[in-house]
N, C-alpha and C. Protein backbone atom coordinates (compact mmCIF):
# COMPACT_ATOMS: atom_id res chain seq x y z
N UNK A 1 -24.27 -53.24 -87.19
CA UNK A 1 -25.25 -54.05 -86.56
C UNK A 1 -25.90 -54.82 -87.91
N UNK A 2 -26.13 -56.30 -87.44
CA UNK A 2 -26.63 -57.34 -88.68
C UNK A 2 -28.29 -56.83 -88.76
N UNK A 3 -28.61 -57.07 -90.13
CA UNK A 3 -30.19 -56.97 -90.04
C UNK A 3 -30.94 -57.50 -89.20
N UNK A 4 -31.94 -57.38 -88.52
CA UNK A 4 -33.09 -58.13 -87.74
C UNK A 4 -32.44 -58.16 -86.27
N UNK A 5 -31.25 -57.53 -86.30
CA UNK A 5 -30.75 -57.73 -84.90
C UNK A 5 -31.00 -56.38 -84.13
N UNK A 6 -31.58 -56.77 -82.77
CA UNK A 6 -31.96 -55.45 -82.19
C UNK A 6 -30.76 -55.41 -80.55
N UNK A 7 -29.80 -54.94 -80.81
CA UNK A 7 -28.87 -54.94 -79.68
C UNK A 7 -29.45 -53.82 -78.49
N UNK A 8 -29.52 -53.90 -77.35
CA UNK A 8 -29.78 -53.08 -76.34
C UNK A 8 -29.13 -51.52 -76.36
N UNK A 9 -29.77 -50.73 -75.64
CA UNK A 9 -29.29 -49.06 -75.76
C UNK A 9 -28.44 -49.18 -74.44
N UNK A 10 -27.25 -48.59 -74.52
CA UNK A 10 -26.26 -48.38 -73.33
C UNK A 10 -26.94 -47.47 -72.25
N UNK A 11 -26.88 -47.70 -70.98
CA UNK A 11 -27.49 -46.59 -70.10
C UNK A 11 -26.66 -45.57 -69.63
N UNK A 12 -25.58 -45.44 -70.29
CA UNK A 12 -24.57 -44.11 -70.08
C UNK A 12 -24.62 -43.20 -71.10
N UNK A 13 -25.79 -43.30 -72.04
CA UNK A 13 -25.71 -42.32 -72.98
C UNK A 13 -27.09 -41.58 -73.02
N UNK A 14 -27.11 -40.55 -72.19
CA UNK A 14 -28.37 -39.83 -72.29
C UNK A 14 -28.25 -38.15 -72.05
N UNK A 15 -29.19 -37.58 -72.02
CA UNK A 15 -29.17 -36.27 -71.58
C UNK A 15 -30.60 -35.84 -71.01
N UNK A 16 -30.53 -34.86 -70.01
CA UNK A 16 -31.68 -34.53 -69.78
C UNK A 16 -32.01 -33.08 -69.95
N UNK A 17 -33.49 -32.82 -70.80
CA UNK A 17 -33.43 -31.60 -71.28
C UNK A 17 -34.40 -30.77 -70.30
N UNK A 18 -34.04 -29.97 -69.43
CA UNK A 18 -34.45 -29.22 -68.49
C UNK A 18 -34.53 -27.83 -68.54
N UNK A 19 -35.66 -27.04 -68.74
CA UNK A 19 -35.62 -25.53 -68.81
C UNK A 19 -36.21 -24.94 -67.55
N UNK A 20 -35.17 -24.30 -67.03
CA UNK A 20 -35.14 -23.48 -65.90
C UNK A 20 -34.97 -22.07 -66.22
N UNK A 21 -36.02 -21.18 -66.05
CA UNK A 21 -36.15 -19.55 -66.38
C UNK A 21 -35.42 -19.59 -67.87
N UNK A 22 -35.84 -20.36 -68.80
CA UNK A 22 -35.67 -20.31 -70.20
C UNK A 22 -34.20 -20.78 -70.51
N UNK A 23 -33.41 -21.56 -69.61
CA UNK A 23 -32.21 -21.70 -69.77
C UNK A 23 -32.00 -23.48 -69.66
N UNK A 24 -31.52 -23.84 -70.73
CA UNK A 24 -31.62 -25.32 -70.82
C UNK A 24 -30.39 -26.01 -69.77
N UNK A 25 -30.87 -26.70 -68.96
CA UNK A 25 -29.92 -27.25 -67.88
C UNK A 25 -29.65 -28.74 -68.23
N UNK A 26 -28.52 -29.21 -68.45
CA UNK A 26 -28.07 -30.86 -68.89
C UNK A 26 -26.93 -31.23 -68.09
N UNK A 27 -26.36 -32.29 -68.77
CA UNK A 27 -25.30 -33.04 -68.45
C UNK A 27 -25.15 -33.62 -66.89
N UNK A 28 -26.43 -34.28 -66.44
CA UNK A 28 -26.45 -34.94 -65.42
C UNK A 28 -25.70 -36.41 -65.64
N UNK A 29 -25.00 -36.66 -64.43
CA UNK A 29 -24.38 -37.94 -64.37
C UNK A 29 -25.02 -39.28 -64.23
N UNK A 30 -26.37 -38.97 -63.66
CA UNK A 30 -27.26 -40.10 -63.34
C UNK A 30 -28.85 -39.73 -63.33
N UNK A 31 -29.46 -40.51 -63.44
CA UNK A 31 -31.12 -40.25 -63.53
C UNK A 31 -31.47 -41.61 -62.85
N UNK A 32 -32.29 -41.69 -62.04
CA UNK A 32 -33.08 -42.66 -61.41
C UNK A 32 -34.69 -42.19 -61.45
N UNK A 33 -35.79 -42.95 -60.98
CA UNK A 33 -36.85 -43.14 -60.84
C UNK A 33 -37.98 -43.10 -61.96
N UNK A 34 -37.39 -43.61 -63.17
CA UNK A 34 -38.35 -43.81 -64.18
C UNK A 34 -39.16 -45.01 -64.05
N UNK A 35 -40.13 -44.75 -63.23
CA UNK A 35 -40.92 -45.99 -62.68
C UNK A 35 -42.25 -45.63 -62.66
N UNK A 36 -43.38 -46.47 -63.28
CA UNK A 36 -44.58 -46.34 -63.29
C UNK A 36 -45.14 -47.72 -62.70
N UNK A 37 -45.82 -48.06 -61.67
CA UNK A 37 -46.29 -48.91 -61.20
C UNK A 37 -47.85 -49.11 -60.83
N UNK A 38 -48.23 -50.34 -61.18
CA UNK A 38 -49.87 -50.30 -61.19
C UNK A 38 -49.82 -51.27 -59.89
N UNK A 39 -50.72 -50.89 -58.86
CA UNK A 39 -51.15 -51.43 -57.69
C UNK A 39 -52.18 -52.49 -57.75
N UNK A 40 -52.17 -53.42 -57.24
CA UNK A 40 -53.21 -54.43 -57.45
C UNK A 40 -54.06 -54.67 -56.00
N UNK A 41 -55.03 -55.04 -56.11
CA UNK A 41 -56.11 -55.61 -54.98
C UNK A 41 -56.23 -57.07 -55.17
N UNK A 42 -56.02 -57.83 -53.97
CA UNK A 42 -56.43 -59.03 -54.03
C UNK A 42 -58.01 -59.45 -53.57
N UNK A 43 -58.86 -60.12 -54.34
CA UNK A 43 -60.19 -60.53 -53.86
C UNK A 43 -60.22 -61.93 -53.64
N UNK A 44 -60.50 -62.39 -52.85
CA UNK A 44 -60.95 -64.07 -52.47
C UNK A 44 -62.41 -64.12 -52.93
N UNK A 45 -62.87 -65.31 -53.56
CA UNK A 45 -64.22 -65.76 -53.91
C UNK A 45 -64.24 -66.88 -53.13
N UNK A 46 -65.61 -67.15 -52.36
CA UNK A 46 -65.88 -68.32 -51.67
C UNK A 46 -65.92 -69.29 -52.57
N UNK A 47 -65.33 -70.30 -51.92
CA UNK A 47 -65.05 -71.80 -52.83
C UNK A 47 -64.27 -71.92 -53.72
N UNK A 48 -63.37 -70.85 -54.10
CA UNK A 48 -62.29 -70.69 -54.98
C UNK A 48 -61.18 -70.67 -53.95
N UNK A 49 -60.30 -71.89 -54.03
CA UNK A 49 -58.92 -71.90 -53.16
C UNK A 49 -57.80 -71.88 -54.04
N UNK A 50 -57.89 -71.90 -55.19
CA UNK A 50 -56.81 -72.30 -56.02
C UNK A 50 -56.21 -70.93 -56.31
N UNK A 51 -56.59 -69.96 -56.16
CA UNK A 51 -56.06 -68.46 -56.36
C UNK A 51 -57.06 -67.35 -56.00
N UNK A 52 -56.62 -66.22 -55.87
CA UNK A 52 -57.29 -64.86 -55.32
C UNK A 52 -57.39 -64.10 -56.69
N UNK A 53 -58.48 -63.57 -57.23
CA UNK A 53 -58.51 -62.49 -58.21
C UNK A 53 -57.58 -61.14 -57.83
N UNK A 54 -57.01 -60.94 -58.71
CA UNK A 54 -56.07 -59.64 -58.74
C UNK A 54 -56.45 -58.65 -59.59
N UNK A 55 -57.16 -57.44 -58.88
CA UNK A 55 -57.56 -56.28 -59.69
C UNK A 55 -56.80 -55.16 -59.57
N UNK A 56 -56.53 -54.41 -61.00
CA UNK A 56 -56.06 -53.08 -60.74
C UNK A 56 -56.85 -52.10 -60.30
N UNK A 57 -55.68 -51.58 -59.21
CA UNK A 57 -56.34 -50.40 -58.53
C UNK A 57 -56.24 -48.88 -58.79
N UNK A 58 -54.85 -49.04 -59.17
CA UNK A 58 -54.62 -47.57 -59.91
C UNK A 58 -52.87 -47.80 -60.10
N UNK A 59 -52.21 -46.40 -60.79
CA UNK A 59 -51.11 -46.64 -61.17
C UNK A 59 -50.34 -45.28 -60.14
N UNK A 60 -49.03 -45.57 -59.82
CA UNK A 60 -48.34 -44.60 -59.34
C UNK A 60 -47.06 -44.31 -59.74
N UNK A 61 -46.38 -42.97 -59.67
CA UNK A 61 -44.79 -42.94 -60.27
C UNK A 61 -43.94 -42.64 -59.07
N UNK A 62 -43.03 -42.84 -59.32
CA UNK A 62 -41.84 -42.70 -58.25
C UNK A 62 -41.32 -41.32 -58.57
N UNK A 63 -40.44 -41.05 -57.57
CA UNK A 63 -39.82 -39.52 -57.58
C UNK A 63 -38.68 -39.76 -58.59
N UNK A 64 -38.22 -38.87 -59.25
CA UNK A 64 -37.10 -38.86 -60.11
C UNK A 64 -36.02 -38.20 -59.43
N UNK A 65 -34.80 -38.76 -59.53
CA UNK A 65 -33.84 -38.34 -59.08
C UNK A 65 -32.62 -37.96 -59.96
N UNK A 66 -32.21 -36.53 -60.12
CA UNK A 66 -31.13 -36.23 -60.98
C UNK A 66 -29.56 -35.86 -60.22
N UNK A 67 -28.81 -36.46 -60.61
CA UNK A 67 -27.36 -36.07 -60.41
C UNK A 67 -26.39 -35.46 -60.99
N UNK A 68 -25.58 -34.56 -60.57
CA UNK A 68 -24.75 -34.07 -61.75
C UNK A 68 -23.68 -33.25 -60.74
N UNK A 69 -22.58 -32.96 -61.33
CA UNK A 69 -21.34 -32.35 -60.79
C UNK A 69 -21.78 -31.07 -60.47
N UNK A 70 -21.47 -30.65 -59.44
CA UNK A 70 -21.83 -29.25 -58.77
C UNK A 70 -21.02 -28.00 -59.94
N UNK A 71 -21.44 -27.28 -60.01
CA UNK A 71 -21.12 -26.16 -60.95
C UNK A 71 -21.39 -24.81 -60.35
N UNK A 72 -20.92 -23.66 -61.13
CA UNK A 72 -21.46 -22.78 -60.90
C UNK A 72 -22.86 -22.13 -60.88
N UNK A 73 -23.38 -22.82 -61.46
CA UNK A 73 -24.85 -22.78 -61.80
C UNK A 73 -25.70 -22.96 -60.38
N UNK A 74 -26.41 -22.09 -60.17
CA UNK A 74 -27.21 -22.30 -58.75
C UNK A 74 -28.84 -22.40 -59.14
N UNK A 75 -28.99 -22.50 -60.47
CA UNK A 75 -30.45 -22.53 -60.77
C UNK A 75 -31.30 -23.73 -60.37
N UNK A 76 -30.49 -24.95 -60.00
CA UNK A 76 -31.38 -25.97 -59.34
C UNK A 76 -31.73 -25.68 -57.63
N UNK A 77 -30.55 -25.06 -57.14
CA UNK A 77 -30.57 -24.63 -55.79
C UNK A 77 -31.53 -23.53 -55.72
N UNK A 78 -31.72 -22.56 -56.49
CA UNK A 78 -32.72 -21.77 -56.41
C UNK A 78 -34.00 -22.23 -56.70
N UNK A 79 -34.37 -23.08 -57.63
CA UNK A 79 -35.59 -23.49 -57.88
C UNK A 79 -35.99 -24.44 -56.61
N UNK A 80 -35.14 -25.13 -55.73
CA UNK A 80 -35.53 -25.95 -54.46
C UNK A 80 -35.80 -24.97 -53.55
N UNK A 81 -34.93 -23.60 -53.49
CA UNK A 81 -35.21 -22.61 -52.52
C UNK A 81 -36.59 -21.90 -52.86
N UNK A 82 -37.05 -21.59 -53.79
CA UNK A 82 -38.37 -20.98 -54.02
C UNK A 82 -39.52 -21.97 -53.51
N UNK A 83 -39.22 -23.50 -53.60
CA UNK A 83 -40.02 -24.41 -52.92
C UNK A 83 -40.21 -24.31 -51.50
N UNK A 84 -38.97 -24.21 -51.07
CA UNK A 84 -38.81 -24.27 -49.33
C UNK A 84 -39.63 -23.07 -48.88
N UNK A 85 -39.44 -21.73 -49.82
CA UNK A 85 -39.85 -20.53 -49.61
C UNK A 85 -41.59 -20.40 -49.79
N UNK A 86 -42.20 -21.69 -50.06
CA UNK A 86 -43.56 -21.68 -50.42
C UNK A 86 -44.15 -21.58 -52.10
N UNK A 87 -43.05 -21.25 -52.81
CA UNK A 87 -43.51 -20.82 -54.02
C UNK A 87 -43.36 -22.09 -54.75
N UNK A 88 -44.40 -22.97 -55.41
CA UNK A 88 -44.36 -24.04 -56.22
C UNK A 88 -44.30 -23.48 -57.46
N UNK A 89 -42.98 -23.80 -58.16
CA UNK A 89 -43.09 -23.61 -59.75
C UNK A 89 -42.75 -25.07 -60.53
N UNK A 90 -43.87 -25.77 -61.04
CA UNK A 90 -43.81 -26.74 -61.73
C UNK A 90 -43.28 -26.56 -62.96
N UNK A 91 -42.16 -27.58 -63.59
CA UNK A 91 -41.91 -27.47 -64.69
C UNK A 91 -42.07 -28.82 -65.66
N UNK A 92 -42.02 -28.88 -66.89
CA UNK A 92 -41.95 -29.95 -67.60
C UNK A 92 -40.59 -30.38 -67.97
N UNK A 93 -40.17 -31.77 -68.23
CA UNK A 93 -38.80 -31.78 -68.61
C UNK A 93 -38.79 -33.12 -69.30
N UNK A 94 -37.52 -33.50 -70.05
CA UNK A 94 -37.44 -34.65 -70.86
C UNK A 94 -36.38 -35.24 -70.35
N UNK A 95 -36.09 -36.45 -70.29
CA UNK A 95 -35.06 -37.42 -70.32
C UNK A 95 -34.62 -38.20 -71.62
N UNK A 96 -33.92 -38.05 -72.09
CA UNK A 96 -33.36 -38.52 -73.52
C UNK A 96 -32.43 -39.55 -73.53
N UNK A 97 -32.48 -40.86 -74.32
CA UNK A 97 -31.51 -42.06 -73.94
C UNK A 97 -31.23 -41.91 -75.54
N UNK A 98 -29.81 -41.77 -75.85
CA UNK A 98 -29.20 -41.73 -77.07
C UNK A 98 -28.29 -42.88 -77.41
N UNK A 99 -28.18 -43.19 -78.66
CA UNK A 99 -27.87 -44.36 -79.08
C UNK A 99 -26.31 -43.95 -79.29
N UNK A 100 -25.39 -45.10 -80.08
CA UNK A 100 -24.02 -44.91 -79.70
C UNK A 100 -23.28 -43.66 -80.82
N UNK A 101 -24.16 -43.23 -81.69
CA UNK A 101 -23.99 -42.12 -82.58
C UNK A 101 -24.57 -40.94 -82.10
N UNK A 102 -24.84 -41.03 -80.80
CA UNK A 102 -25.60 -39.84 -80.37
C UNK A 102 -26.75 -39.09 -80.81
N UNK A 103 -27.51 -40.27 -81.24
CA UNK A 103 -29.06 -39.84 -81.76
C UNK A 103 -30.01 -40.16 -80.78
N UNK A 104 -30.95 -39.40 -80.57
CA UNK A 104 -32.31 -39.97 -79.70
C UNK A 104 -32.73 -41.09 -80.07
N UNK A 105 -33.13 -41.94 -79.12
CA UNK A 105 -33.76 -43.13 -79.18
C UNK A 105 -34.99 -43.42 -78.68
N UNK A 106 -34.95 -42.94 -77.51
CA UNK A 106 -36.05 -42.99 -76.29
C UNK A 106 -36.25 -41.80 -75.70
N UNK A 107 -37.37 -41.15 -75.43
CA UNK A 107 -37.68 -39.89 -74.79
C UNK A 107 -38.51 -40.18 -73.95
N UNK A 108 -38.49 -39.56 -72.55
CA UNK A 108 -39.73 -39.79 -71.63
C UNK A 108 -39.82 -38.28 -71.16
N UNK A 109 -40.99 -37.99 -71.51
CA UNK A 109 -41.53 -36.67 -71.13
C UNK A 109 -42.14 -36.71 -69.42
N UNK A 110 -41.57 -35.75 -68.83
CA UNK A 110 -41.99 -36.11 -67.22
C UNK A 110 -42.99 -34.44 -67.22
N UNK A 111 -44.15 -34.48 -66.57
CA UNK A 111 -44.88 -33.28 -66.57
C UNK A 111 -44.94 -32.87 -64.94
N UNK A 112 -45.30 -31.62 -64.96
CA UNK A 112 -45.48 -31.05 -63.68
C UNK A 112 -44.50 -31.33 -62.58
N UNK A 113 -43.26 -31.29 -63.00
CA UNK A 113 -42.36 -31.72 -62.04
C UNK A 113 -41.90 -30.51 -61.06
N UNK A 114 -41.55 -30.90 -59.73
CA UNK A 114 -41.01 -29.73 -58.82
C UNK A 114 -40.34 -30.34 -57.88
N UNK A 115 -39.29 -29.50 -57.44
CA UNK A 115 -38.27 -30.15 -56.29
C UNK A 115 -38.65 -30.27 -54.98
N UNK A 116 -38.31 -31.61 -54.48
CA UNK A 116 -38.72 -31.86 -52.87
C UNK A 116 -37.46 -32.04 -52.17
N UNK A 117 -36.50 -32.24 -52.90
CA UNK A 117 -35.21 -32.54 -51.92
C UNK A 117 -33.72 -32.17 -52.87
N UNK A 118 -33.16 -31.11 -52.21
CA UNK A 118 -31.76 -31.16 -52.73
C UNK A 118 -30.91 -31.48 -51.78
N UNK A 119 -29.80 -32.15 -52.43
CA UNK A 119 -28.50 -32.79 -51.66
C UNK A 119 -27.33 -32.15 -52.35
N UNK A 120 -26.57 -31.55 -51.14
CA UNK A 120 -25.56 -31.07 -51.91
C UNK A 120 -24.08 -32.32 -51.73
N UNK A 121 -23.00 -31.93 -52.05
CA UNK A 121 -21.94 -32.87 -52.23
C UNK A 121 -21.26 -33.43 -50.86
N UNK A 122 -20.87 -34.59 -51.05
CA UNK A 122 -19.99 -35.12 -49.61
C UNK A 122 -18.68 -34.23 -49.71
N UNK A 123 -18.20 -33.47 -49.02
CA UNK A 123 -16.71 -32.74 -48.97
C UNK A 123 -15.74 -33.60 -47.99
N UNK A 124 -14.58 -34.10 -48.60
CA UNK A 124 -13.80 -34.96 -47.72
C UNK A 124 -12.48 -34.37 -48.33
N UNK A 125 -11.82 -34.08 -47.18
CA UNK A 125 -10.58 -33.61 -47.71
C UNK A 125 -9.28 -34.54 -48.29
N UNK A 126 -9.61 -36.03 -48.12
CA UNK A 126 -8.71 -36.92 -48.51
C UNK A 126 -9.15 -37.81 -49.71
N UNK A 127 -10.13 -37.02 -50.37
CA UNK A 127 -10.85 -37.63 -51.62
C UNK A 127 -10.69 -36.65 -52.71
N UNK A 128 -10.77 -37.19 -53.95
CA UNK A 128 -10.51 -36.38 -55.25
C UNK A 128 -11.81 -36.79 -56.34
N UNK A 129 -12.68 -36.97 -55.74
CA UNK A 129 -14.08 -37.32 -56.50
C UNK A 129 -14.89 -36.04 -56.75
N UNK A 130 -15.53 -35.92 -57.98
CA UNK A 130 -16.40 -34.70 -58.38
C UNK A 130 -17.36 -34.43 -57.15
N UNK A 131 -17.62 -33.01 -56.72
CA UNK A 131 -18.63 -32.68 -56.18
C UNK A 131 -20.10 -33.07 -56.77
N UNK A 132 -20.95 -33.88 -56.27
CA UNK A 132 -22.19 -34.07 -56.91
C UNK A 132 -23.07 -33.57 -55.91
N UNK A 133 -24.16 -32.80 -56.67
CA UNK A 133 -25.52 -32.39 -56.13
C UNK A 133 -26.63 -33.21 -56.67
N UNK A 134 -27.65 -33.40 -55.96
CA UNK A 134 -28.69 -34.43 -56.13
C UNK A 134 -29.75 -33.47 -55.98
N UNK A 135 -30.81 -33.62 -57.12
CA UNK A 135 -32.35 -32.97 -57.02
C UNK A 135 -33.11 -34.06 -57.23
N UNK A 136 -34.25 -34.08 -56.48
CA UNK A 136 -35.32 -35.01 -56.24
C UNK A 136 -36.35 -34.40 -56.62
N UNK A 137 -37.28 -34.80 -57.78
CA UNK A 137 -38.57 -34.18 -58.08
C UNK A 137 -39.82 -35.15 -57.98
N UNK A 138 -40.72 -34.66 -57.68
CA UNK A 138 -42.06 -35.47 -57.72
C UNK A 138 -42.78 -34.78 -58.73
N UNK A 139 -43.97 -35.42 -59.47
CA UNK A 139 -44.34 -35.08 -60.58
C UNK A 139 -45.61 -35.78 -60.97
N UNK A 140 -46.25 -35.33 -61.99
CA UNK A 140 -47.73 -35.84 -62.50
C UNK A 140 -47.61 -37.00 -63.19
N UNK A 141 -46.72 -37.53 -63.86
CA UNK A 141 -46.47 -38.54 -65.06
C UNK A 141 -45.42 -38.51 -65.55
N UNK A 142 -45.37 -39.78 -66.32
CA UNK A 142 -44.32 -40.05 -67.27
C UNK A 142 -44.90 -40.22 -68.71
N UNK A 143 -44.53 -39.94 -69.96
CA UNK A 143 -45.00 -40.48 -71.22
C UNK A 143 -43.95 -40.59 -72.08
N UNK A 144 -43.89 -41.65 -73.18
CA UNK A 144 -42.92 -41.80 -74.17
C UNK A 144 -43.16 -40.67 -74.93
N UNK A 145 -42.10 -40.12 -75.33
CA UNK A 145 -42.10 -38.87 -76.43
C UNK A 145 -41.81 -39.40 -77.73
């Protein structure tokens, strides 16, 4: 890379550090939901017709969705089943973006996450695709690590 040149990082090099029962779960094929949005409220001022004042109300985060190939590990399933049974077990996790050499470049720390949806694979006799499981998490926020 030339000096002063800042190439963007590729979105296909990442890892997810998720601790469940003291064991590291990783190798997710897709992560979505890294979203923090600030809501605004419009206020109109009498006699001012050119624009409305837009004031920040608060911020909200989107659910994070993790997808990976289904394996013999049933930790994600069990975590979700605890939730279904009424036991909320919140976890902290990190989503790490790597550069082309495999070095960490960005880290998003997610706090207080717990599963709200587990989706199993689509099973088709005429397909040869990898069986994918999906876990959707709600959380208390994202920070840059």
